[in-house]
Amino acid sequence: MEEQSEMVGRAFVDHYYNLFDNDRSSIGTLYQPSSMLSFEGQKLQGSEDISAKLNALPFGQCRHAISTIDSQPSSFSGGVIVFVSGSIQLLGEDYPLRFSQMFHLIPTMEGSFFVQNDIFRLNYG
């Protein structure tokens, strides 16, 4: 039987990358004012700044292909740590880019989750 944190992690990853690939303008709804993003070393805080960064990336269409998803319960009650590896295929590019991303999900009063921490890195080499 799949552990609760693994079910949450898998469902979140499916939702996050579907939004990123198909409706990136809505991705800010997954973050809160306290949320933090480290994107290739650049640190941002708050749903507005994070959304602005992700929507201003220098590419439009892309497709994520997920290779692995690892999830663990966090010390925050009901929280989940999710680590993702995979590749991004950019429109018009021959080769996909490999990436790793970590999310710390925190439960909301409404019964869903928001992203408290998000760390993204491309994997070169």
PDB file of N, CA and C in Angstrom:
ATOM      1  N   MET A   1       0.837  -1.197   0.000  1.00  0.00           N
ATOM      2  CA  MET A   1       0.000   0.000   0.000  1.00  0.00           C
ATOM      3  C   MET A   1       0.874   1.250   0.000  1.00  0.00           C
ATOM      4  N   GLU A   2       0.500   2.204  -0.834  1.00  0.00           N
ATOM      5  CA  GLU A   2       1.275   3.433  -0.948  1.00  0.00           C
ATOM      6  C   GLU A   2       1.069   4.310   0.283  1.00  0.00           C
ATOM      7  N   GLU A   3       2.160   4.806   0.837  1.00  0.00           N
ATOM      8  CA  GLU A   3       2.114   5.684   1.990  1.00  0.00           C
ATOM      9  C   GLU A   3       1.425   7.004   1.630  1.00  0.00           C
ATOM     10  N   GLN A   4       0.797   7.644   2.596  1.00  0.00           N
ATOM     11  CA  GLN A   4       0.088   8.912   2.365  1.00  0.00           C
ATOM     12  C   GLN A   4       0.994   9.964   1.731  1.00  0.00           C
ATOM     13  N   SER A   5       2.221  10.092   2.238  1.00  0.00           N
ATOM     14  CA  SER A   5       3.124  11.113   1.684  1.00  0.00           C
ATOM     15  C   SER A   5       3.459  10.820   0.227  1.00  0.00           C
ATOM     16  N   GLU A   6       3.555   9.545  -0.140  1.00  0.00           N
ATOM     17  CA  GLU A   6       3.835   9.193  -1.534  1.00  0.00           C
ATOM     18  C   GLU A   6       2.641   9.510  -2.433  1.00  0.00           C
ATOM     19  N   MET A   7       1.433   9.265  -1.941  1.00  0.00           N
ATOM     20  CA  MET A   7       0.232   9.587  -2.722  1.00  0.00           C
ATOM     21  C   MET A   7       0.120  11.094  -2.933  1.00  0.00           C
ATOM     22  N   VAL A   8       0.352  11.861  -1.867  1.00  0.00           N
ATOM     23  CA  VAL A   8       0.304  13.325  -1.969  1.00  0.00           C
ATOM     24  C   VAL A   8       1.382  13.816  -2.925  1.00  0.00           C
ATOM     25  N   GLY A   9       2.593  13.301  -2.787  1.00  0.00           N
ATOM     26  CA  GLY A   9       3.697  13.715  -3.642  1.00  0.00           C
ATOM     27  C   GLY A   9       3.415  13.449  -5.106  1.00  0.00           C
ATOM     28  N   ARG A  10       2.931  12.266  -5.422  1.00  0.00           N
ATOM     29  CA  ARG A  10       2.651  11.899  -6.814  1.00  0.00           C
ATOM     30  C   ARG A  10       1.529  12.773  -7.382  1.00  0.00           C
ATOM     31  N   ALA A  11       0.463  12.977  -6.615  1.00  0.00           N
ATOM     32  CA  ALA A  11      -0.660  13.802  -7.084  1.00  0.00           C
ATOM     33  C   ALA A  11      -0.211  15.247  -7.286  1.00  0.00           C
ATOM     34  N   PHE A  12       0.608  15.761  -6.353  1.00  0.00           N
ATOM     35  CA  PHE A  12       1.091  17.129  -6.482  1.00  0.00           C
ATOM     36  C   PHE A  12       1.959  17.288  -7.731  1.00  0.00           C
ATOM     37  N   VAL A  13       2.886  16.364  -7.934  1.00  0.00           N
ATOM     38  CA  VAL A  13       3.788  16.440  -9.090  1.00  0.00           C
ATOM     39  C   VAL A  13       2.992  16.432 -10.390  1.00  0.00           C
ATOM     40  N   ASP A  14       2.005  15.546 -10.495  1.00  0.00           N
ATOM     41  CA  ASP A  14       1.162  15.517 -11.693  1.00  0.00           C
ATOM     42  C   ASP A  14       0.488  16.868 -11.918  1.00  0.00           C
ATOM     43  N   HIS A  15      -0.063  17.437 -10.846  1.00  0.00           N
ATOM     44  CA  HIS A  15      -0.770  18.710 -10.940  1.00  0.00           C
ATOM     45  C   HIS A  15       0.182  19.865 -11.271  1.00  0.00           C
ATOM     46  N   TYR A  16       1.303  19.936 -10.564  1.00  0.00           N
ATOM     47  CA  TYR A  16       2.254  21.040 -10.742  1.00  0.00           C
ATOM     48  C   TYR A  16       2.760  21.105 -12.176  1.00  0.00           C
ATOM     49  N   TYR A  17       3.253  19.985 -12.690  1.00  0.00           N
ATOM     50  CA  TYR A  17       3.857  20.016 -14.025  1.00  0.00           C
ATOM     51  C   TYR A  17       2.806  20.115 -15.132  1.00  0.00           C
ATOM     52  N   ASN A  18       1.596  19.663 -14.874  1.00  0.00           N
ATOM     53  CA  ASN A  18       0.513  19.893 -15.822  1.00  0.00           C
ATOM     54  C   ASN A  18       0.220  21.396 -15.925  1.00  0.00           C
ATOM     55  N   LEU A  19       0.142  22.062 -14.767  1.00  0.00           N
ATOM     56  CA  LEU A  19      -0.049  23.517 -14.777  1.00  0.00           C
ATOM     57  C   LEU A  19       1.122  24.220 -15.459  1.00  0.00           C
ATOM     58  N   PHE A  20       2.340  23.849 -15.107  1.00  0.00           N
ATOM     59  CA  PHE A  20       3.526  24.495 -15.667  1.00  0.00           C
ATOM     60  C   PHE A  20       3.536  24.375 -17.192  1.00  0.00           C
ATOM     61  N   ASP A  21       3.216  23.205 -17.698  1.00  0.00           N
ATOM     62  CA  ASP A  21       3.282  22.951 -19.139  1.00  0.00           C
ATOM     63  C   ASP A  21       2.091  23.509 -19.911  1.00  0.00           C
ATOM     64  N   ASN A  22       0.917  23.587 -19.276  1.00  0.00           N
ATOM     65  CA  ASN A  22      -0.307  23.921 -20.004  1.00  0.00           C
ATOM     66  C   ASN A  22      -1.003  25.210 -19.576  1.00  0.00           C
ATOM     67  N   ASP A  23      -0.737  25.692 -18.349  1.00  0.00           N
ATOM     68  CA  ASP A  23      -1.431  26.884 -17.845  1.00  0.00           C
ATOM     69  C   ASP A  23      -0.542  27.591 -16.826  1.00  0.00           C
ATOM     70  N   ARG A  24       0.672  27.940 -17.261  1.00  0.00           N
ATOM     71  CA  ARG A  24       1.675  28.476 -16.335  1.00  0.00           C
ATOM     72  C   ARG A  24       1.194  29.715 -15.598  1.00  0.00           C
ATOM     73  N   SER A  25       0.306  30.491 -16.199  1.00  0.00           N
ATOM     74  CA  SER A  25      -0.181  31.702 -15.535  1.00  0.00           C
ATOM     75  C   SER A  25      -0.937  31.391 -14.245  1.00  0.00           C
ATOM     76  N   SER A  26      -1.395  30.153 -14.071  1.00  0.00           N
ATOM     77  CA  SER A  26      -2.125  29.757 -12.861  1.00  0.00           C
ATOM     78  C   SER A  26      -1.226  29.177 -11.773  1.00  0.00           C
ATOM     79  N   ILE A  27       0.059  29.036 -12.043  1.00  0.00           N
ATOM     80  CA  ILE A  27       0.931  28.330 -11.105  1.00  0.00           C
ATOM     81  C   ILE A  27       1.087  29.063  -9.769  1.00  0.00           C
ATOM     82  N   GLY A  28       0.901  30.374  -9.775  1.00  0.00           N
ATOM     83  CA  GLY A  28       1.014  31.149  -8.542  1.00  0.00           C
ATOM     84  C   GLY A  28       0.011  30.746  -7.477  1.00  0.00           C
ATOM     85  N   THR A  29      -1.083  30.093  -7.879  1.00  0.00           N
ATOM     86  CA  THR A  29      -2.091  29.666  -6.908  1.00  0.00           C
ATOM     87  C   THR A  29      -1.565  28.569  -5.981  1.00  0.00           C
ATOM     88  N   LEU A  30      -0.459  27.942  -6.329  1.00  0.00           N
ATOM     89  CA  LEU A  30       0.114  26.875  -5.500  1.00  0.00           C
ATOM     90  C   LEU A  30       1.021  27.411  -4.396  1.00  0.00           C
ATOM     91  N   TYR A  31       1.276  28.721  -4.418  1.00  0.00           N
ATOM     92  CA  TYR A  31       2.184  29.357  -3.463  1.00  0.00           C
ATOM     93  C   TYR A  31       1.412  30.333  -2.571  1.00  0.00           C
ATOM     94  N   GLN A  32       2.041  30.695  -1.444  1.00  0.00           N
ATOM     95  CA  GLN A  32       1.480  31.646  -0.487  1.00  0.00           C
ATOM     96  C   GLN A  32       2.467  32.801  -0.309  1.00  0.00           C
ATOM     97  N   PRO A  33       2.070  33.883   0.401  1.00  0.00           N
ATOM     98  CA  PRO A  33       2.999  34.996   0.630  1.00  0.00           C
ATOM     99  C   PRO A  33       4.294  34.578   1.349  1.00  0.00           C
ATOM    100  N   SER A  34       4.238  33.513   2.147  1.00  0.00           N
ATOM    101  CA  SER A  34       5.433  33.055   2.873  1.00  0.00           C
ATOM    102  C   SER A  34       6.295  32.096   2.054  1.00  0.00           C
ATOM    103  N   SER A  35       5.820  31.676   0.890  1.00  0.00           N
ATOM    104  CA  SER A  35       6.535  30.686   0.075  1.00  0.00           C
ATOM    105  C   SER A  35       7.867  31.229  -0.423  1.00  0.00           C
ATOM    106  N   MET A  36       8.837  30.303  -0.594  1.00  0.00           N
ATOM    107  CA  MET A  36      10.159  30.672  -1.087  1.00  0.00           C
ATOM    108  C   MET A  36      10.535  29.777  -2.257  1.00  0.00           C
ATOM    109  N   LEU A  37      11.196  30.373  -3.256  1.00  0.00           N
ATOM    110  CA  LEU A  37      11.708  29.656  -4.412  1.00  0.00           C
ATOM    111  C   LEU A  37      13.179  29.988  -4.587  1.00  0.00           C
ATOM    112  N   SER A  38      13.995  28.957  -4.756  1.00  0.00           N
ATOM    113  CA  SER A  38      15.376  29.122  -5.219  1.00  0.00           C
ATOM    114  C   SER A  38      15.418  28.531  -6.615  1.00  0.00           C
ATOM    115  N   PHE A  39      15.633  29.385  -7.620  1.00  0.00           N
ATOM    116  CA  PHE A  39      15.629  28.961  -9.010  1.00  0.00           C
ATOM    117  C   PHE A  39      17.009  29.218  -9.583  1.00  0.00           C
ATOM    118  N   GLU A  40      17.769  28.151  -9.769  1.00  0.00           N
ATOM    119  CA  GLU A  40      19.147  28.278 -10.268  1.00  0.00           C
ATOM    120  C   GLU A  40      19.937  29.280  -9.431  1.00  0.00           C
ATOM    121  N   GLY A  41      19.723  29.252  -8.101  1.00  0.00           N
ATOM    122  CA  GLY A  41      20.459  30.117  -7.181  1.00  0.00           C
ATOM    123  C   GLY A  41      19.802  31.452  -6.889  1.00  0.00           C
ATOM    124  N   GLN A  42      18.821  31.864  -7.693  1.00  0.00           N
ATOM    125  CA  GLN A  42      18.105  33.119  -7.446  1.00  0.00           C
ATOM    126  C   GLN A  42      17.004  32.855  -6.424  1.00  0.00           C
ATOM    127  N   LYS A  43      16.985  33.643  -5.350  1.00  0.00           N
ATOM    128  CA  LYS A  43      16.017  33.444  -4.280  1.00  0.00           C
ATOM    129  C   LYS A  43      14.865  34.444  -4.395  1.00  0.00           C
ATOM    130  N   LEU A  44      13.647  33.912  -4.307  1.00  0.00           N
ATOM    131  CA  LEU A  44      12.441  34.737  -4.386  1.00  0.00           C
ATOM    132  C   LEU A  44      11.511  34.351  -3.244  1.00  0.00           C
ATOM    133  N   GLN A  45      10.679  35.303  -2.809  1.00  0.00           N
ATOM    134  CA  GLN A  45       9.694  35.013  -1.771  1.00  0.00           C
ATOM    135  C   GLN A  45       8.354  35.611  -2.146  1.00  0.00           C
ATOM    136  N   GLY A  46       7.302  34.849  -1.866  1.00  0.00           N
ATOM    137  CA  GLY A  46       5.939  35.309  -2.089  1.00  0.00           C
ATOM    138  C   GLY A  46       5.375  34.825  -3.408  1.00  0.00           C
ATOM    139  N   SER A  47       4.081  34.543  -3.397  1.00  0.00           N
ATOM    140  CA  SER A  47       3.435  33.973  -4.577  1.00  0.00           C
ATOM    141  C   SER A  47       3.527  34.895  -5.792  1.00  0.00           C
ATOM    142  N   GLU A  48       3.450  36.204  -5.590  1.00  0.00           N
ATOM    143  CA  GLU A  48       3.502  37.128  -6.728  1.00  0.00           C
ATOM    144  C   GLU A  48       4.868  37.119  -7.405  1.00  0.00           C
ATOM    145  N   ASP A  49       5.948  37.203  -6.616  1.00  0.00           N
ATOM    146  CA  ASP A  49       7.297  37.201  -7.185  1.00  0.00           C
ATOM    147  C   ASP A  49       7.623  35.859  -7.828  1.00  0.00           C
ATOM    148  N   ILE A  50       7.202  34.771  -7.192  1.00  0.00           N
ATOM    149  CA  ILE A  50       7.453  33.435  -7.739  1.00  0.00           C
ATOM    150  C   ILE A  50       6.711  33.262  -9.060  1.00  0.00           C
ATOM    151  N   SER A  51       5.445  33.637  -9.076  1.00  0.00           N
ATOM    152  CA  SER A  51       4.652  33.535 -10.297  1.00  0.00           C
ATOM    153  C   SER A  51       5.256  34.386 -11.410  1.00  0.00           C
ATOM    154  N   ALA A  52       5.684  35.595 -11.078  1.00  0.00           N
ATOM    155  CA  ALA A  52       6.288  36.480 -12.077  1.00  0.00           C
ATOM    156  C   ALA A  52       7.554  35.854 -12.656  1.00  0.00           C
ATOM    157  N   LYS A  53       8.382  35.257 -11.811  1.00  0.00           N
ATOM    158  CA  LYS A  53       9.611  34.613 -12.280  1.00  0.00           C
ATOM    159  C   LYS A  53       9.291  33.455 -13.225  1.00  0.00           C
ATOM    160  N   LEU A  54       8.400  32.571 -12.816  1.00  0.00           N
ATOM    161  CA  LEU A  54       8.094  31.385 -13.615  1.00  0.00           C
ATOM    162  C   LEU A  54       7.413  31.744 -14.931  1.00  0.00           C
ATOM    163  N   ASN A  55       6.631  32.808 -14.928  1.00  0.00           N
ATOM    164  CA  ASN A  55       5.946  33.233 -16.152  1.00  0.00           C
ATOM    165  C   ASN A  55       6.839  34.068 -17.070  1.00  0.00           C
ATOM    166  N   ALA A  56       7.980  34.532 -16.555  1.00  0.00           N
ATOM    167  CA  ALA A  56       8.903  35.330 -17.360  1.00  0.00           C
ATOM    168  C   ALA A  56      10.073  34.504 -17.891  1.00  0.00           C
ATOM    169  N   LEU A  57      10.056  33.193 -17.688  1.00  0.00           N
ATOM    170  CA  LEU A  57      11.139  32.354 -18.200  1.00  0.00           C
ATOM    171  C   LEU A  57      11.228  32.508 -19.719  1.00  0.00           C
ATOM    172  N   PRO A  58      12.445  32.421 -20.279  1.00  0.00           N
ATOM    173  CA  PRO A  58      12.639  32.739 -21.699  1.00  0.00           C
ATOM    174  C   PRO A  58      12.203  31.638 -22.667  1.00  0.00           C
ATOM    175  N   PHE A  59      11.181  30.921 -22.311  1.00  0.00           N
ATOM    176  CA  PHE A  59      10.614  29.920 -23.221  1.00  0.00           C
ATOM    177  C   PHE A  59       9.121  29.824 -22.932  1.00  0.00           C
ATOM    178  N   GLY A  60       8.378  29.536 -23.967  1.00  0.00           N
ATOM    179  CA  GLY A  60       6.928  29.397 -23.820  1.00  0.00           C
ATOM    180  C   GLY A  60       6.573  27.956 -23.557  1.00  0.00           C
ATOM    181  N   GLN A  61       6.282  27.228 -24.605  1.00  0.00           N
ATOM    182  CA  GLN A  61       5.851  25.850 -24.451  1.00  0.00           C
ATOM    183  C   GLN A  61       7.009  24.947 -24.057  1.00  0.00           C
ATOM    184  N   CYS A  62       6.689  23.985 -23.189  1.00  0.00           N
ATOM    185  CA  CYS A  62       7.650  22.976 -22.782  1.00  0.00           C
ATOM    186  C   CYS A  62       6.874  21.745 -22.311  1.00  0.00           C
ATOM    187  N   ARG A  63       7.575  20.644 -22.197  1.00  0.00           N
ATOM    188  CA  ARG A  63       6.985  19.408 -21.682  1.00  0.00           C
ATOM    189  C   ARG A  63       7.942  18.793 -20.677  1.00  0.00           C
ATOM    190  N   HIS A  64       7.443  18.558 -19.476  1.00  0.00           N
ATOM    191  CA  HIS A  64       8.230  17.876 -18.454  1.00  0.00           C
ATOM    192  C   HIS A  64       8.011  16.370 -18.572  1.00  0.00           C
ATOM    193  N   ALA A  65       9.083  15.618 -18.468  1.00  0.00           N
ATOM    194  CA  ALA A  65       9.023  14.155 -18.370  1.00  0.00           C
ATOM    195  C   ALA A  65       9.649  13.794 -17.034  1.00  0.00           C
ATOM    196  N   ILE A  66       8.854  13.241 -16.144  1.00  0.00           N
ATOM    197  CA  ILE A  66       9.310  12.939 -14.790  1.00  0.00           C
ATOM    198  C   ILE A  66       9.950  11.550 -14.761  1.00  0.00           C
ATOM    199  N   SER A  67      11.157  11.484 -14.188  1.00  0.00           N
ATOM    200  CA  SER A  67      11.867  10.208 -14.050  1.00  0.00           C
ATOM    201  C   SER A  67      11.630   9.586 -12.685  1.00  0.00           C
ATOM    202  N   THR A  68      11.784  10.381 -11.623  1.00  0.00           N
ATOM    203  CA  THR A  68      11.609   9.867 -10.262  1.00  0.00           C
ATOM    204  C   THR A  68      10.861  10.866  -9.402  1.00  0.00           C
ATOM    205  N   ILE A  69      10.121  10.328  -8.438  1.00  0.00           N
ATOM    206  CA  ILE A  69       9.458  11.128  -7.406  1.00  0.00           C
ATOM    207  C   ILE A  69       9.723  10.434  -6.077  1.00  0.00           C
ATOM    208  N   ASP A  70      10.358  11.138  -5.152  1.00  0.00           N
ATOM    209  CA  ASP A  70      10.592  10.621  -3.807  1.00  0.00           C
ATOM    210  C   ASP A  70       9.905  11.543  -2.819  1.00  0.00           C
ATOM    211  N   SER A  71       9.110  10.977  -1.917  1.00  0.00           N
ATOM    212  CA  SER A  71       8.349  11.775  -0.950  1.00  0.00           C
ATOM    213  C   SER A  71       8.568  11.251   0.455  1.00  0.00           C
ATOM    214  N   GLN A  72       8.584  12.173   1.412  1.00  0.00           N
ATOM    215  CA  GLN A  72       8.692  11.834   2.832  1.00  0.00           C
ATOM    216  C   GLN A  72       7.802  12.772   3.636  1.00  0.00           C
ATOM    217  N   PRO A  73       7.263  12.289   4.754  1.00  0.00           N
ATOM    218  CA  PRO A  73       6.559  13.217   5.643  1.00  0.00           C
ATOM    219  C   PRO A  73       7.580  14.204   6.231  1.00  0.00           C
ATOM    220  N   SER A  74       7.172  15.456   6.398  1.00  0.00           N
ATOM    221  CA  SER A  74       8.073  16.447   7.003  1.00  0.00           C
ATOM    222  C   SER A  74       7.748  16.580   8.488  1.00  0.00           C
ATOM    223  N   SER A  75       8.598  17.304   9.203  1.00  0.00           N
ATOM    224  CA  SER A  75       8.363  17.481  10.635  1.00  0.00           C
ATOM    225  C   SER A  75       7.184  18.410  10.907  1.00  0.00           C
ATOM    226  N   PHE A  76       6.784  19.206   9.903  1.00  0.00           N
ATOM    227  CA  PHE A  76       5.587  20.029  10.024  1.00  0.00           C
ATOM    228  C   PHE A  76       4.380  19.100   9.937  1.00  0.00           C
ATOM    229  N   SER A  77       3.463  19.181  10.855  1.00  0.00           N
ATOM    230  CA  SER A  77       2.329  18.258  10.922  1.00  0.00           C
ATOM    231  C   SER A  77       1.567  18.194   9.594  1.00  0.00           C
ATOM    232  N   GLY A  78       1.617  17.042   8.951  1.00  0.00           N
ATOM    233  CA  GLY A  78       0.917  16.841   7.698  1.00  0.00           C
ATOM    234  C   GLY A  78       1.679  17.293   6.470  1.00  0.00           C
ATOM    235  N   GLY A  79       2.860  17.891   6.669  1.00  0.00           N
ATOM    236  CA  GLY A  79       3.660  18.371   5.553  1.00  0.00           C
ATOM    237  C   GLY A  79       4.340  17.226   4.815  1.00  0.00           C
ATOM    238  N   VAL A  80       4.741  17.498   3.580  1.00  0.00           N
ATOM    239  CA  VAL A  80       5.379  16.489   2.742  1.00  0.00           C
ATOM    240  C   VAL A  80       6.545  17.130   1.996  1.00  0.00           C
ATOM    241  N   ILE A  81       7.695  16.436   2.011  1.00  0.00           N
ATOM    242  CA  ILE A  81       8.854  16.817   1.213  1.00  0.00           C
ATOM    243  C   ILE A  81       8.815  15.970  -0.057  1.00  0.00           C
ATOM    244  N   VAL A  82       8.958  16.608  -1.227  1.00  0.00           N
ATOM    245  CA  VAL A  82       8.906  15.897  -2.503  1.00  0.00           C
ATOM    246  C   VAL A  82      10.152  16.263  -3.307  1.00  0.00           C
ATOM    247  N   PHE A  83      10.886  15.248  -3.764  1.00  0.00           N
ATOM    248  CA  PHE A  83      12.054  15.449  -4.612  1.00  0.00           C
ATOM    249  C   PHE A  83      11.775  14.832  -5.971  1.00  0.00           C
ATOM    250  N   VAL A  84      11.989  15.630  -7.023  1.00  0.00           N
ATOM    251  CA  VAL A  84      11.641  15.212  -8.386  1.00  0.00           C
ATOM    252  C   VAL A  84      12.884  15.311  -9.264  1.00  0.00           C
ATOM    253  N   SER A  85      13.064  14.321 -10.131  1.00  0.00           N
ATOM    254  CA  SER A  85      14.074  14.443 -11.185  1.00  0.00           C
ATOM    255  C   SER A  85      13.400  14.124 -12.506  1.00  0.00           C
ATOM    256  N   GLY A  86      13.914  14.747 -13.561  1.00  0.00           N
ATOM    257  CA  GLY A  86      13.312  14.515 -14.859  1.00  0.00           C
ATOM    258  C   GLY A  86      13.979  15.358 -15.924  1.00  0.00           C
ATOM    259  N   SER A  87      13.241  15.593 -17.000  1.00  0.00           N
ATOM    260  CA  SER A  87      13.766  16.402 -18.096  1.00  0.00           C
ATOM    261  C   SER A  87      12.679  17.333 -18.622  1.00  0.00           C
ATOM    262  N   ILE A  88      13.129  18.423 -19.227  1.00  0.00           N
ATOM    263  CA  ILE A  88      12.247  19.411 -19.835  1.00  0.00           C
ATOM    264  C   ILE A  88      12.587  19.465 -21.324  1.00  0.00           C
ATOM    265  N   GLN A  89      11.593  19.277 -22.153  1.00  0.00           N
ATOM    266  CA  GLN A  89      11.778  19.429 -23.598  1.00  0.00           C
ATOM    267  C   GLN A  89      11.203  20.780 -23.996  1.00  0.00           C
ATOM    268  N   LEU A  90      12.076  21.665 -24.478  1.00  0.00           N
ATOM    269  CA  LEU A  90      11.643  22.988 -24.917  1.00  0.00           C
ATOM    270  C   LEU A  90      11.282  22.934 -26.392  1.00  0.00           C
ATOM    271  N   LEU A  91      10.247  23.659 -26.750  1.00  0.00           N
ATOM    272  CA  LEU A  91       9.790  23.713 -28.140  1.00  0.00           C
ATOM    273  C   LEU A  91      10.921  24.203 -29.039  1.00  0.00           C
ATOM    274  N   GLY A  92      11.211  23.439 -30.096  1.00  0.00           N
ATOM    275  CA  GLY A  92      12.233  23.825 -31.044  1.00  0.00           C
ATOM    276  C   GLY A  92      13.637  23.387 -30.690  1.00  0.00           C
ATOM    277  N   GLU A  93      13.829  22.789 -29.529  1.00  0.00           N
ATOM    278  CA  GLU A  93      15.153  22.313 -29.114  1.00  0.00           C
ATOM    279  C   GLU A  93      15.273  20.815 -29.390  1.00  0.00           C
ATOM    280  N   ASP A  94      16.478  20.388 -29.774  1.00  0.00           N
ATOM    281  CA  ASP A  94      16.703  18.975 -30.097  1.00  0.00           C
ATOM    282  C   ASP A  94      16.831  18.089 -28.859  1.00  0.00           C
ATOM    283  N   TYR A  95      17.444  18.627 -27.815  1.00  0.00           N
ATOM    284  CA  TYR A  95      17.757  17.806 -26.647  1.00  0.00           C
ATOM    285  C   TYR A  95      17.036  18.327 -25.402  1.00  0.00           C
ATOM    286  N   PRO A  96      16.525  17.421 -24.590  1.00  0.00           N
ATOM    287  CA  PRO A  96      15.891  17.856 -23.344  1.00  0.00           C
ATOM    288  C   PRO A  96      16.938  18.305 -22.320  1.00  0.00           C
ATOM    289  N   LEU A  97      16.517  19.120 -21.375  1.00  0.00           N
ATOM    290  CA  LEU A  97      17.349  19.564 -20.253  1.00  0.00           C
ATOM    291  C   LEU A  97      16.987  18.738 -19.028  1.00  0.00           C
ATOM    292  N   ARG A  98      17.988  18.199 -18.344  1.00  0.00           N
ATOM    293  CA  ARG A  98      17.749  17.438 -17.114  1.00  0.00           C
ATOM    294  C   ARG A  98      17.594  18.420 -15.948  1.00  0.00           C
ATOM    295  N   PHE A  99      16.719  18.080 -14.994  1.00  0.00           N
ATOM    296  CA  PHE A  99      16.506  18.956 -13.839  1.00  0.00           C
ATOM    297  C   PHE A  99      16.236  18.144 -12.582  1.00  0.00           C
ATOM    298  N   SER A 100      16.409  18.809 -11.447  1.00  0.00           N
ATOM    299  CA  SER A 100      15.994  18.302 -10.139  1.00  0.00           C
ATOM    300  C   SER A 100      15.215  19.413  -9.453  1.00  0.00           C
ATOM    301  N   GLN A 101      14.185  19.026  -8.710  1.00  0.00           N
ATOM    302  CA  GLN A 101      13.369  20.019  -8.013  1.00  0.00           C
ATOM    303  C   GLN A 101      12.870  19.423  -6.705  1.00  0.00           C
ATOM    304  N   MET A 102      12.879  20.242  -5.654  1.00  0.00           N
ATOM    305  CA  MET A 102      12.409  19.820  -4.336  1.00  0.00           C
ATOM    306  C   MET A 102      11.294  20.760  -3.897  1.00  0.00           C
ATOM    307  N   PHE A 103      10.227  20.172  -3.360  1.00  0.00           N
ATOM    308  CA  PHE A 103       9.100  20.941  -2.830  1.00  0.00           C
ATOM    309  C   PHE A 103       8.866  20.564  -1.375  1.00  0.00           C
ATOM    310  N   HIS A 104       8.540  21.552  -0.551  1.00  0.00           N
ATOM    311  CA  HIS A 104       8.033  21.299   0.798  1.00  0.00           C
ATOM    312  C   HIS A 104       6.575  21.745   0.796  1.00  0.00           C
ATOM    313  N   LEU A 105       5.674  20.773   0.902  1.00  0.00           N
ATOM    314  CA  LEU A 105       4.236  21.036   0.848  1.00  0.00           C
ATOM    315  C   LEU A 105       3.676  21.130   2.257  1.00  0.00           C
ATOM    316  N   ILE A 106       2.832  22.125   2.477  1.00  0.00           N
ATOM    317  CA  ILE A 106       2.198  22.361   3.779  1.00  0.00           C
ATOM    318  C   ILE A 106       0.688  22.276   3.593  1.00  0.00           C
ATOM    319  N   PRO A 107      -0.006  21.540   4.483  1.00  0.00           N
ATOM    320  CA  PRO A 107      -1.462  21.437   4.337  1.00  0.00           C
ATOM    321  C   PRO A 107      -2.156  22.769   4.627  1.00  0.00           C
ATOM    322  N   THR A 108      -3.268  22.998   3.933  1.00  0.00           N
ATOM    323  CA  THR A 108      -4.078  24.199   4.152  1.00  0.00           C
ATOM    324  C   THR A 108      -5.301  23.825   4.986  1.00  0.00           C
ATOM    325  N   MET A 109      -5.986  24.838   5.479  1.00  0.00           N
ATOM    326  CA  MET A 109      -7.211  24.612   6.254  1.00  0.00           C
ATOM    327  C   MET A 109      -8.304  23.990   5.389  1.00  0.00           C
ATOM    328  N   GLU A 110      -8.216  24.224   4.063  1.00  0.00           N
ATOM    329  CA  GLU A 110      -9.231  23.713   3.138  1.00  0.00           C
ATOM    330  C   GLU A 110      -9.012  22.251   2.766  1.00  0.00           C
ATOM    331  N   GLY A 111      -7.900  21.665   3.214  1.00  0.00           N
ATOM    332  CA  GLY A 111      -7.650  20.262   2.935  1.00  0.00           C
ATOM    333  C   GLY A 111      -6.741  19.993   1.757  1.00  0.00           C
ATOM    334  N   SER A 112      -6.176  21.059   1.157  1.00  0.00           N
ATOM    335  CA  SER A 112      -5.221  20.860   0.069  1.00  0.00           C
ATOM    336  C   SER A 112      -3.815  21.192   0.597  1.00  0.00           C
ATOM    337  N   PHE A 113      -2.889  21.484  -0.298  1.00  0.00           N
ATOM    338  CA  PHE A 113      -1.517  21.812   0.088  1.00  0.00           C
ATOM    339  C   PHE A 113      -1.060  23.045  -0.670  1.00  0.00           C
ATOM    340  N   PHE A 114      -0.094  23.768  -0.076  1.00  0.00           N
ATOM    341  CA  PHE A 114       0.590  24.832  -0.808  1.00  0.00           C
ATOM    342  C   PHE A 114       2.091  24.568  -0.722  1.00  0.00           C
ATOM    343  N   VAL A 115       2.830  25.191  -1.643  1.00  0.00           N
ATOM    344  CA  VAL A 115       4.274  25.035  -1.688  1.00  0.00           C
ATOM    345  C   VAL A 115       4.903  26.077  -0.763  1.00  0.00           C
ATOM    346  N   GLN A 116       5.530  25.616   0.324  1.00  0.00           N
ATOM    347  CA  GLN A 116       6.259  26.521   1.207  1.00  0.00           C
ATOM    348  C   GLN A 116       7.670  26.770   0.664  1.00  0.00           C
ATOM    349  N   ASN A 117       8.340  25.704   0.240  1.00  0.00           N
ATOM    350  CA  ASN A 117       9.698  25.804  -0.290  1.00  0.00           C
ATOM    351  C   ASN A 117       9.780  25.079  -1.622  1.00  0.00           C
ATOM    352  N   ASP A 118      10.520  25.676  -2.558  1.00  0.00           N
ATOM    353  CA  ASP A 118      10.692  25.114  -3.898  1.00  0.00           C
ATOM    354  C   ASP A 118      12.131  25.421  -4.318  1.00  0.00           C
ATOM    355  N   ILE A 119      12.901  24.373  -4.608  1.00  0.00           N
ATOM    356  CA  ILE A 119      14.280  24.544  -5.060  1.00  0.00           C
ATOM    357  C   ILE A 119      14.413  23.852  -6.408  1.00  0.00           C
ATOM    358  N   PHE A 120      14.860  24.607  -7.418  1.00  0.00           N
ATOM    359  CA  PHE A 120      14.998  24.084  -8.775  1.00  0.00           C
ATOM    360  C   PHE A 120      16.415  24.252  -9.275  1.00  0.00           C
ATOM    361  N   ARG A 121      16.951  23.191  -9.891  1.00  0.00           N
ATOM    362  CA  ARG A 121      18.268  23.241 -10.532  1.00  0.00           C
ATOM    363  C   ARG A 121      18.274  22.423 -11.812  1.00  0.00           C
ATOM    364  N   LEU A 122      18.895  22.982 -12.850  1.00  0.00           N
ATOM    365  CA  LEU A 122      19.198  22.183 -14.037  1.00  0.00           C
ATOM    366  C   LEU A 122      20.416  21.332 -13.713  1.00  0.00           C
ATOM    367  N   ASN A 123      20.476  20.135 -14.284  1.00  0.00           N
ATOM    368  CA  ASN A 123      21.589  19.213 -14.057  1.00  0.00           C
ATOM    369  C   ASN A 123      22.436  19.165 -15.317  1.00  0.00           C
ATOM    370  N   TYR A 124      23.618  19.746 -15.241  1.00  0.00           N
ATOM    371  CA  TYR A 124      24.519  19.788 -16.389  1.00  0.00           C
ATOM    372  C   TYR A 124      25.526  18.654 -16.322  1.00  0.00           C
ATOM    373  N   GLY A 125      26.001  18.234 -17.498  1.00  0.00           N
ATOM    374  CA  GLY A 125      27.090  17.273 -17.539  1.00  0.00           C
ATOM    375  C   GLY A 125      26.699  15.855 -17.800  1.00  0.00           C
TER     376      GLY A 125
END
